[in-house]
């Protein structure tokens, strides 16, 4: 549980999850562009999410594509759903 909570505690990783959580596959290049992060920084963040079991990856030529882990326990999916929803509400209040 500690690894899971640490993985979702970082703002960049939560932003990446907000993109990935749509159910599609997203390459590192897309995450880099949307989050204005370097390739090495984005790869490190995605490694943390992958090692926590939150996302899965597959190599596609020179890129790595990430998606939600379809085997992630439903209670952990609910936690991520709640965190992302709370973050969206918080962003709307600030704007």
Protein backbone atom coordinates (compact mmCIF):
# COMPACT_ATOMS: atom_id res chain seq x y z
CA UNK A 1 0.00 0.00 0.00
CA UNK A 2 2.87 2.40 0.76
CA UNK A 3 4.25 2.02 -2.77
CA UNK A 4 0.80 2.74 -4.23
CA UNK A 5 0.27 5.84 -2.06
CA UNK A 6 3.76 7.15 -2.81
CA UNK A 7 3.18 6.64 -6.54
CA UNK A 8 0.01 8.74 -6.61
CA UNK A 9 1.33 11.41 -4.24
CA UNK A 10 3.42 13.21 -6.86
CA UNK A 11 1.66 15.95 -8.89
CA UNK A 12 3.37 14.98 -12.17
CA UNK A 13 2.37 11.35 -11.76
CA UNK A 14 -1.22 12.36 -10.95
CA UNK A 15 -1.27 14.52 -14.07
CA UNK A 16 -0.01 11.57 -16.12
CA UNK A 17 -2.69 9.36 -14.56
CA UNK A 18 -5.35 11.93 -15.47
CA UNK A 19 -4.31 11.49 -19.11
CA UNK A 20 -3.91 7.72 -19.00
CA UNK A 21 -7.10 7.12 -17.02
CA UNK A 22 -9.22 7.61 -20.17
CA UNK A 23 -8.63 3.93 -20.94
CA UNK A 24 -6.45 4.43 -24.01
CA UNK A 25 -2.75 3.95 -24.61
CA UNK A 26 -0.47 6.95 -24.43
CA UNK A 27 3.15 7.17 -25.50
CA UNK A 28 5.82 8.85 -23.47
CA UNK A 29 6.13 11.49 -26.18
CA UNK A 30 2.49 12.50 -25.67
CA UNK A 31 2.88 12.66 -21.89
CA UNK A 32 6.08 14.69 -22.29
CA UNK A 33 4.33 17.24 -24.51
CA UNK A 34 1.20 17.57 -22.39
CA UNK A 35 3.07 17.79 -19.09
CA UNK A 36 6.06 19.78 -20.40
CA UNK A 37 8.48 17.21 -18.99
CA UNK A 38 11.74 15.85 -20.33
CA UNK A 39 11.93 12.28 -21.57
CA UNK A 40 14.10 11.15 -18.67
CA UNK A 41 11.85 12.80 -16.08
CA UNK A 42 8.69 11.35 -17.61
CA UNK A 43 10.24 7.89 -17.87
CA UNK A 44 11.23 7.97 -14.19
CA UNK A 45 7.69 8.96 -13.17
CA UNK A 46 6.14 6.25 -15.33
CA UNK A 47 8.52 3.67 -13.89
CA UNK A 48 7.21 4.47 -10.41
CA UNK A 49 3.61 4.05 -11.59
CA UNK A 50 4.46 0.81 -13.38
CA UNK A 51 6.33 -0.65 -10.40
CA UNK A 52 3.35 0.20 -8.18
CA UNK A 53 1.17 -1.82 -10.57
CA UNK A 54 -0.96 1.17 -11.56
CA UNK A 55 -0.04 1.20 -15.25
CA UNK A 56 1.30 -1.30 -17.76
CA UNK A 57 3.56 -0.60 -20.68
CA UNK A 58 4.45 -1.99 -24.07
CA UNK A 59 7.25 -1.11 -26.42
CA UNK A 60 6.24 0.28 -29.82
CA UNK A 61 9.40 0.77 -31.91
CA UNK A 62 11.36 3.48 -30.08
CA UNK A 63 8.43 4.54 -27.87
CA UNK A 64 6.87 3.03 -24.80
CA UNK A 65 3.11 3.19 -24.53
CA UNK A 66 1.32 3.21 -21.19
CA UNK A 67 -2.22 2.33 -20.15
CA UNK A 68 -4.19 1.62 -17.02
CA UNK A 69 -3.42 -1.74 -15.54
CA UNK A 70 -6.60 -3.75 -16.26
CA UNK A 71 -5.73 -6.05 -13.34
CA UNK A 72 -5.54 -3.25 -10.77
CA UNK A 73 -7.76 -4.08 -7.81
CA UNK A 74 -11.16 -2.33 -7.96
CA UNK A 75 -10.64 -0.65 -4.57
CA UNK A 76 -7.38 0.90 -5.82
CA UNK A 77 -9.08 2.02 -9.04
CA UNK A 78 -11.72 3.69 -6.83
CA UNK A 79 -8.98 5.50 -4.87
CA UNK A 80 -7.41 6.85 -8.07
CA UNK A 81 -10.84 7.82 -9.44
CA UNK A 82 -11.56 9.73 -6.22
CA UNK A 83 -8.16 11.46 -6.15
CA UNK A 84 -8.45 12.55 -9.78
CA UNK A 85 -12.02 13.78 -9.26
CA UNK A 86 -10.97 15.76 -6.17
CA UNK A 87 -8.09 17.28 -8.09
CA UNK A 88 -10.42 18.35 -10.94
CA UNK A 89 -12.79 19.97 -8.42
CA UNK A 90 -9.88 21.76 -6.79
CA UNK A 91 -8.63 23.09 -10.15
CA UNK A 92 -12.11 24.42 -11.01
CA UNK A 93 -12.26 26.33 -7.72
CA UNK A 94 -8.90 27.97 -8.40
CA UNK A 95 -9.83 28.98 -11.95
